[in-house]
C-alpha atoms as a PDB file:
ATOM      1  CA  MET A   1     -20.802   8.501  19.553  1.00  0.00           C
ATOM      2  CA  SER A   2     -21.479   6.696  16.262  1.00  0.00           C
ATOM      3  CA  GLU A   3     -19.869   3.310  15.660  1.00  0.00           C
ATOM      4  CA  SER A   4     -18.045   4.739  12.632  1.00  0.00           C
ATOM      5  CA  LEU A   5     -16.544   7.623  14.633  1.00  0.00           C
ATOM      6  CA  GLU A   6     -15.554   5.241  17.412  1.00  0.00           C
ATOM      7  CA  ALA A   7     -13.760   3.049  14.851  1.00  0.00           C
ATOM      8  CA  LEU A   8     -11.871   6.054  13.468  1.00  0.00           C
ATOM      9  CA  GLU A   9     -10.848   7.187  16.950  1.00  0.00           C
ATOM     10  CA  GLY A  10      -9.662   3.681  17.782  1.00  0.00           C
ATOM     11  CA  LEU A  11      -7.519   3.522  14.661  1.00  0.00           C
ATOM     12  CA  VAL A  12      -5.855   6.858  15.405  1.00  0.00           C
ATOM     13  CA  SER A  13      -5.372   6.014  19.086  1.00  0.00           C
ATOM     14  CA  GLY A  14      -3.570   2.786  18.191  1.00  0.00           C
ATOM     15  CA  LEU A  15      -1.475   4.572  15.585  1.00  0.00           C
ATOM     16  CA  ILE A  16      -0.297   7.085  18.194  1.00  0.00           C
ATOM     17  CA  THR A  17       0.223   4.766  21.171  1.00  0.00           C
ATOM     18  CA  ARG A  18       1.673   1.616  19.596  1.00  0.00           C
ATOM     19  CA  ALA A  19       2.598   2.528  15.982  1.00  0.00           C
ATOM     20  CA  TYR A  20      -0.393   0.753  14.411  1.00  0.00           C
ATOM     21  CA  GLY A  21      -4.162   0.931  14.742  1.00  0.00           C
ATOM     22  CA  GLU A  22      -6.753  -1.832  14.375  1.00  0.00           C
ATOM     23  CA  SER A  23     -10.525  -1.866  13.953  1.00  0.00           C
ATOM     24  CA  TYR A  24     -13.164  -4.508  13.280  1.00  0.00           C
ATOM     25  CA  SER A  25     -16.106  -2.122  13.005  1.00  0.00           C
ATOM     26  CA  LEU A  26     -15.453   0.212  10.083  1.00  0.00           C
ATOM     27  CA  PHE A  27     -17.188  -2.135   7.616  1.00  0.00           C
ATOM     28  CA  SER A  28     -20.397  -4.120   8.104  1.00  0.00           C
ATOM     29  CA  ASN A  29     -20.489  -7.840   7.418  1.00  0.00           C
ATOM     30  CA  ASP A  30     -22.603  -7.277   4.291  1.00  0.00           C
ATOM     31  CA  GLU A  31     -20.074  -4.738   2.992  1.00  0.00           C
ATOM     32  CA  LEU A  32     -17.230  -7.181   3.619  1.00  0.00           C
ATOM     33  CA  LYS A  33     -19.131  -9.923   1.804  1.00  0.00           C
ATOM     34  CA  GLY A  34     -19.631  -7.620  -1.183  1.00  0.00           C
ATOM     35  CA  LEU A  35     -15.931  -6.792  -1.389  1.00  0.00           C
ATOM     36  CA  TYR A  36     -14.951 -10.424  -0.927  1.00  0.00           C
ATOM     37  CA  ALA A  37     -17.357 -11.612  -3.633  1.00  0.00           C
ATOM     38  CA  TYR A  38     -15.947  -9.115  -6.133  1.00  0.00           C
ATOM     39  CA  LEU A  39     -12.367 -10.143  -5.306  1.00  0.00           C
ATOM     40  CA  ARG A  40     -13.223 -13.815  -5.783  1.00  0.00           C
ATOM     41  CA  GLN A  41     -14.888 -12.950  -9.097  1.00  0.00           C
ATOM     42  CA  LEU A  42     -11.718 -11.205 -10.299  1.00  0.00           C
ATOM     43  CA  LYS A  43      -9.643 -14.206  -9.239  1.00  0.00           C
ATOM     44  CA  THR A  44     -11.985 -16.617 -11.051  1.00  0.00           C
ATOM     45  CA  GLU A  45     -11.705 -14.475 -14.197  1.00  0.00           C
ATOM     46  CA  ASP A  46      -7.884 -14.571 -13.876  1.00  0.00           C
ATOM     47  CA  LEU A  47      -7.590 -10.774 -13.698  1.00  0.00           C
ATOM     48  CA  LEU A  48      -5.089 -10.576 -10.836  1.00  0.00           C
ATOM     49  CA  ARG A  49      -1.450 -10.096 -11.845  1.00  0.00           C
ATOM     50  CA  PRO A  50       1.914 -10.762 -10.133  1.00  0.00           C
ATOM     51  CA  ALA A  51       2.904  -7.885  -7.848  1.00  0.00           C
ATOM     52  CA  LYS A  52       6.084  -5.945  -8.532  1.00  0.00           C
ATOM     53  CA  ILE A  53       8.661  -4.143  -6.452  1.00  0.00           C
ATOM     54  CA  GLY A  54      10.445  -0.888  -7.270  1.00  0.00           C
ATOM     55  CA  SER A  55       9.008   2.143  -9.022  1.00  0.00           C
ATOM     56  CA  GLY A  56       8.708   3.520 -12.521  1.00  0.00           C
ATOM     57  CA  HIS A  57      11.220   2.024 -14.966  1.00  0.00           C
ATOM     58  CA  GLU A  58      12.777   0.011 -12.130  1.00  0.00           C
ATOM     59  CA  GLU A  59       9.674  -2.094 -11.505  1.00  0.00           C
ATOM     60  CA  GLN A  60      10.317  -5.809 -11.533  1.00  0.00           C
ATOM     61  CA  ILE A  61       8.837  -9.093 -10.407  1.00  0.00           C
ATOM     62  CA  LEU A  62      10.971 -10.719  -7.701  1.00  0.00           C
ATOM     63  CA  LYS A  63       9.175 -13.826  -6.471  1.00  0.00           C
ATOM     64  CA  GLN A  64      11.903 -14.497  -3.915  1.00  0.00           C
ATOM     65  CA  VAL A  65      10.822 -11.230  -2.217  1.00  0.00           C
ATOM     66  CA  ARG A  66       7.068 -11.328  -2.749  1.00  0.00           C
ATOM     67  CA  ASN A  67       4.795 -13.624  -4.729  1.00  0.00           C
ATOM     68  CA  ASP A  68       1.295 -12.267  -4.243  1.00  0.00           C
ATOM     69  CA  GLN A  69      -1.098 -11.264  -7.022  1.00  0.00           C
ATOM     70  CA  ILE A  70      -2.875  -7.915  -7.143  1.00  0.00           C
ATOM     71  CA  TYR A  71      -5.602  -5.954  -8.916  1.00  0.00           C
ATOM     72  CA  TRP A  72      -5.564  -2.142  -8.787  1.00  0.00           C
ATOM     73  CA  LEU A  73      -8.806  -0.447  -7.735  1.00  0.00           C
ATOM     74  CA  ASP A  74     -10.428   2.636  -9.236  1.00  0.00           C
ATOM     75  CA  GLN A  75     -12.444   5.177  -7.241  1.00  0.00           C
ATOM     76  CA  GLN A  76     -14.686   5.596 -10.296  1.00  0.00           C
ATOM     77  CA  SER A  77     -15.485   1.884 -10.448  1.00  0.00           C
ATOM     78  CA  ASP A  78     -19.009   0.855 -11.401  1.00  0.00           C
ATOM     79  CA  GLN A  79     -18.877  -1.701  -8.561  1.00  0.00           C
ATOM     80  CA  PRO A  80     -20.944  -0.289  -5.649  1.00  0.00           C
ATOM     81  CA  PHE A  81     -18.862  -1.949  -2.928  1.00  0.00           C
ATOM     82  CA  ILE A  82     -15.647  -0.514  -4.370  1.00  0.00           C
ATOM     83  CA  ARG A  83     -17.151   2.978  -4.384  1.00  0.00           C
ATOM     84  CA  LEU A  84     -18.300   2.410  -0.794  1.00  0.00           C
ATOM     85  CA  PHE A  85     -14.796   1.286   0.186  1.00  0.00           C
ATOM     86  CA  PHE A  86     -13.233   4.445  -1.252  1.00  0.00           C
ATOM     87  CA  ASP A  87     -15.888   6.589   0.406  1.00  0.00           C
ATOM     88  CA  LYS A  88     -14.900   5.176   3.802  1.00  0.00           C
ATOM     89  CA  MET A  89     -11.208   5.587   3.047  1.00  0.00           C
ATOM     90  CA  ASN A  90     -11.826   9.220   2.113  1.00  0.00           C
ATOM     91  CA  LYS A  91     -13.584   9.728   5.442  1.00  0.00           C
ATOM     92  CA  LEU A  92     -10.675   8.075   7.246  1.00  0.00           C
ATOM     93  CA  SER A  93      -8.254  10.331   5.379  1.00  0.00           C
ATOM     94  CA  GLU A  94     -10.267  13.444   6.255  1.00  0.00           C
ATOM     95  CA  TYR A  95     -10.497  12.426   9.922  1.00  0.00           C
ATOM     96  CA  ILE A  96      -6.730  11.858  10.184  1.00  0.00           C
ATOM     97  CA  THR A  97      -6.029  15.157   8.421  1.00  0.00           C
ATOM     98  CA  LYS A  98      -8.187  16.979  10.973  1.00  0.00           C
ATOM     99  CA  THR A  99      -6.996  15.189  14.102  1.00  0.00           C
ATOM    100  CA  CYS A 100      -3.332  14.372  13.425  1.00  0.00           C
ATOM    101  CA  PHE A 101      -2.184  17.426  11.464  1.00  0.00           C
ATOM    102  CA  LEU A 102      -1.101  15.111   8.652  1.00  0.00           C
ATOM    103  CA  SER A 103      -1.957  16.349   5.159  1.00  0.00           C
ATOM    104  CA  LEU A 104      -3.555  13.666   2.977  1.00  0.00           C
ATOM    105  CA  ASN A 105      -5.154  14.180  -0.417  1.00  0.00           C
ATOM    106  CA  HIS A 106      -4.978  10.980  -2.469  1.00  0.00           C
ATOM    107  CA  LEU A 107      -5.820   7.268  -2.201  1.00  0.00           C
ATOM    108  CA  GLU A 108      -4.130   4.246  -3.798  1.00  0.00           C
ATOM    109  CA  PHE A 109      -5.505   0.714  -3.243  1.00  0.00           C
ATOM    110  CA  HIS A 110      -5.455  -2.791  -4.693  1.00  0.00           C
ATOM    111  CA  PHE A 111      -6.830  -6.249  -3.986  1.00  0.00           C
ATOM    112  CA  ALA A 112      -4.157  -8.746  -2.885  1.00  0.00           C
ATOM    113  CA  HIS A 113      -4.194 -12.540  -3.026  1.00  0.00           C
ATOM    114  CA  TYR A 114      -1.582 -14.849  -1.515  1.00  0.00           C
ATOM    115  CA  ALA A 115      -1.815 -18.493  -2.568  1.00  0.00           C
ATOM    116  CA  PRO A 116      -0.778 -21.199  -0.066  1.00  0.00           C
ATOM    117  CA  GLY A 117       2.963 -20.974   0.591  1.00  0.00           C
ATOM    118  CA  HIS A 118       3.228 -17.365  -0.571  1.00  0.00           C
ATOM    119  CA  TYR A 119       4.692 -14.474   1.428  1.00  0.00           C
ATOM    120  CA  TYR A 120       6.228 -10.976   1.325  1.00  0.00           C
ATOM    121  CA  LEU A 121       9.610 -10.452   2.995  1.00  0.00           C
ATOM    122  CA  ARG A 122      10.392  -7.667   5.482  1.00  0.00           C
ATOM    123  CA  HIS A 123      10.107  -4.191   3.958  1.00  0.00           C
ATOM    124  CA  LEU A 124       8.882  -0.616   4.254  1.00  0.00           C
ATOM    125  CA  ASP A 125       6.068   0.666   2.057  1.00  0.00           C
ATOM    126  CA  SER A 126       7.948   3.900   1.435  1.00  0.00           C
ATOM    127  CA  PHE A 127      11.491   5.186   1.835  1.00  0.00           C
ATOM    128  CA  ARG A 128      11.936   6.941   5.158  1.00  0.00           C
ATOM    129  CA  GLY A 129      10.767  10.522   4.724  1.00  0.00           C
ATOM    130  CA  GLY A 130      10.324  10.061   1.005  1.00  0.00           C
ATOM    131  CA  LEU A 131       7.689   9.858  -1.696  1.00  0.00           C
ATOM    132  CA  SER A 132       4.000  10.397  -1.106  1.00  0.00           C
ATOM    133  CA  ARG A 133       2.761   7.400   0.836  1.00  0.00           C
ATOM    134  CA  LYS A 134       2.064   8.496   4.391  1.00  0.00           C
ATOM    135  CA  LEU A 135      -0.132   5.776   5.914  1.00  0.00           C
ATOM    136  CA  SER A 136      -0.518   2.141   4.923  1.00  0.00           C
ATOM    137  CA  VAL A 137      -3.969   0.576   5.231  1.00  0.00           C
ATOM    138  CA  ILE A 138      -4.970  -3.097   5.037  1.00  0.00           C
ATOM    139  CA  LEU A 139      -8.476  -4.584   5.173  1.00  0.00           C
ATOM    140  CA  TYR A 140      -8.495  -8.357   5.628  1.00  0.00           C
ATOM    141  CA  LEU A 141     -11.053 -10.530   3.824  1.00  0.00           C
ATOM    142  CA  ASN A 142     -10.401 -14.021   5.180  1.00  0.00           C
ATOM    143  CA  PRO A 143     -13.562 -15.797   6.384  1.00  0.00           C
ATOM    144  CA  ASP A 144     -13.083 -18.142   9.346  1.00  0.00           C
ATOM    145  CA  TRP A 145      -9.332 -17.506   9.609  1.00  0.00           C
ATOM    146  CA  GLN A 146      -7.658 -19.803  12.167  1.00  0.00           C
ATOM    147  CA  LYS A 147      -4.217 -19.618  13.770  1.00  0.00           C
ATOM    148  CA  ASP A 148      -2.908 -22.601  11.802  1.00  0.00           C
ATOM    149  CA  ASP A 149      -3.833 -20.826   8.553  1.00  0.00           C
ATOM    150  CA  GLY A 150      -0.741 -18.599   8.801  1.00  0.00           C
ATOM    151  CA  GLY A 151      -0.297 -15.474   6.707  1.00  0.00           C
ATOM    152  CA  GLU A 152       0.008 -13.128   9.690  1.00  0.00           C
ATOM    153  CA  LEU A 153       1.373  -9.613   9.287  1.00  0.00           C
ATOM    154  CA  LYS A 154       4.582  -9.423  11.323  1.00  0.00           C
ATOM    155  CA  VAL A 155       5.446  -5.867  12.386  1.00  0.00           C
ATOM    156  CA  TYR A 156       8.791  -4.735  13.756  1.00  0.00           C
ATOM    157  CA  LEU A 157       8.322  -2.302  16.622  1.00  0.00           C
ATOM    158  CA  LYS A 158      11.008  -0.669  18.744  1.00  0.00           C
ATOM    159  CA  GLY A 159      12.673  -3.514  20.613  1.00  0.00           C
ATOM    160  CA  ARG A 160      10.007  -6.097  19.849  1.00  0.00           C
ATOM    161  CA  GLU A 161       7.884  -7.767  17.210  1.00  0.00           C
ATOM    162  CA  ALA A 162       4.136  -8.322  16.971  1.00  0.00           C
ATOM    163  CA  LEU A 163       1.888 -10.558  14.891  1.00  0.00           C
ATOM    164  CA  ILE A 164      -1.352  -9.203  13.432  1.00  0.00           C
ATOM    165  CA  ASN A 165      -3.860 -11.863  12.479  1.00  0.00           C
ATOM    166  CA  PRO A 166      -5.498 -11.378   9.038  1.00  0.00           C
ATOM    167  CA  CYS A 167      -8.984 -11.964  10.433  1.00  0.00           C
ATOM    168  CA  TRP A 168     -12.201 -11.214   8.570  1.00  0.00           C
ATOM    169  CA  GLY A 169     -13.039  -7.513   8.643  1.00  0.00           C
ATOM    170  CA  LYS A 170      -9.945  -6.318  10.500  1.00  0.00           C
ATOM    171  CA  LEU A 171      -8.573  -3.000   9.257  1.00  0.00           C
ATOM    172  CA  VAL A 172      -4.975  -2.071  10.114  1.00  0.00           C
ATOM    173  CA  ILE A 173      -3.205   1.273   9.658  1.00  0.00           C
ATOM    174  CA  PHE A 174       0.431   2.324  10.197  1.00  0.00           C
ATOM    175  CA  LYS A 175       3.026   4.842   8.962  1.00  0.00           C
ATOM    176  CA  SER A 176       4.360   3.786   5.577  1.00  0.00           C
ATOM    177  CA  ASP A 177       7.926   5.015   6.077  1.00  0.00           C
ATOM    178  CA  GLU A 178       8.410   3.896   9.679  1.00  0.00           C
ATOM    179  CA  LEU A 179       6.942   0.468  10.392  1.00  0.00           C
ATOM    180  CA  GLU A 180       8.840  -2.416   8.820  1.00  0.00           C
ATOM    181  CA  HIS A 181       6.655  -5.460   8.263  1.00  0.00           C
ATOM    182  CA  GLU A 182       6.306  -8.726   6.385  1.00  0.00           C
ATOM    183  CA  VAL A 183       3.606 -11.182   5.387  1.00  0.00           C
ATOM    184  CA  LEU A 184       4.419 -14.611   6.785  1.00  0.00           C
ATOM    185  CA  PRO A 185       3.831 -17.669   4.570  1.00  0.00           C
ATOM    186  CA  THR A 186       0.162 -18.533   4.379  1.00  0.00           C
ATOM    187  CA  ASN A 187      -1.357 -22.019   4.451  1.00  0.00           C
ATOM    188  CA  ILE A 188      -4.597 -20.910   2.811  1.00  0.00           C
ATOM    189  CA  HIS A 189      -5.704 -18.535   0.067  1.00  0.00           C
ATOM    190  CA  ARG A 190      -5.252 -15.164   1.806  1.00  0.00           C
ATOM    191  CA  PHE A 191      -7.212 -12.092   0.652  1.00  0.00           C
ATOM    192  CA  SER A 192      -7.059  -8.396   1.498  1.00  0.00           C
ATOM    193  CA  ILE A 193      -7.334  -4.854   0.221  1.00  0.00           C
ATOM    194  CA  CYS A 194      -4.047  -2.973   0.646  1.00  0.00           C
ATOM    195  CA  GLY A 195      -3.024   0.565  -0.089  1.00  0.00           C
ATOM    196  CA  TRP A 196      -2.030   3.994   1.049  1.00  0.00           C
ATOM    197  CA  LEU A 197      -3.322   7.336   2.204  1.00  0.00           C
ATOM    198  CA  ARG A 198      -1.054   9.766   0.370  1.00  0.00           C
ATOM    199  CA  TYR A 199      -0.097  13.381   0.032  1.00  0.00           C
ATOM    200  CA  ASP A 200       0.669  14.352  -3.564  1.00  0.00           C
ATOM    201  CA  GLU A 201       1.755  17.797  -4.636  1.00  0.00           C
ATOM    202  CA  VAL A 202       0.010  19.414  -7.616  1.00  0.00           C
ATOM    203  CA  GLY A 203       0.935  17.508 -10.762  1.00  0.00           C
ATOM    204  CA  GLN A 204       2.439  14.645  -8.764  1.00  0.00           C
ATOM    205  CA  ILE A 205      -0.580  12.365  -8.409  1.00  0.00           C
ATOM    206  CA  GLY A 206       0.110   9.079 -10.103  1.00  0.00           C
ATOM    207  CA  ALA A 207       3.807   9.870 -10.483  1.00  0.00           C
ATOM    208  CA  PHE A 208       4.758   6.770  -8.498  1.00  0.00           C
ATOM    209  CA  PRO A 209       2.159   4.134  -9.422  1.00  0.00           C
ATOM    210  CA  LYS A 210       2.392   0.523  -8.324  1.00  0.00           C
ATOM    211  CA  ALA A 211       5.581   1.069  -6.338  1.00  0.00           C
ATOM    212  CA  PHE A 212       6.634  -1.221  -3.496  1.00  0.00           C
ATOM    213  CA  PHE A 213       9.624  -0.843  -1.205  1.00  0.00           C
END
C-alpha cells in the first residue's frame, strides 16, 4: 500500500469511527515548507484580509467572534505548491466519493493566520443539512508547535470534547454541518490552510463564497 493511500484510508477511518480524521503523511516536509513559505510571503506583503462571517449580502466582520486573517486560494494559481495542494485535495475528494458514497465536486480553500491572542468561537462550518459544504479540511503549518503555544482546535463530540493540536503537517477532516468546533486563543502566530470539499449543483458553484457559520 502506498503512503498516500494509507493516509487517505486513515482519514476516512477516523471520520467514520470518531467524527474526525487526522493524518501527518499526506504532504512531504518539502511540500509543507513550500506552502508555508508562500503563506509567509503573502503575510509580509500584507495581502491577508480580516475574515468575515455570514454569506452573500449578510457578510460582516465580527472580531468578537473571530479575528483571523485569510487569503483565498485559486486552483489555477501560478504557484506550484498551491497547484500541488489542490491536486491532493482533488484526490482526497475522489477517494471519499468512491469509498463513502458522498458526492463531492468542488473545492474551496484559503490560508488562515491567527495573531497571538486571536481565536474563533464555537461554530459549525455549514448549517445542518444545508448549503454545499460537506467536509471541512484543515492543514496546519506551525513549525515546532508546543503545548504552551495554544491555538488548539477544540471539537465538540457526543458527550465529550477533544483538543486537536495544530502541529506541523497535520491534516484534519470532519463533517461541516455536524461537528461544532472552535479555535482556542493562540500564543503564537498560527498558520493553516482551511477549506471545504463541496457538492455544488450545476450553476451553483461559487454561489456561497467566503461564507462562515
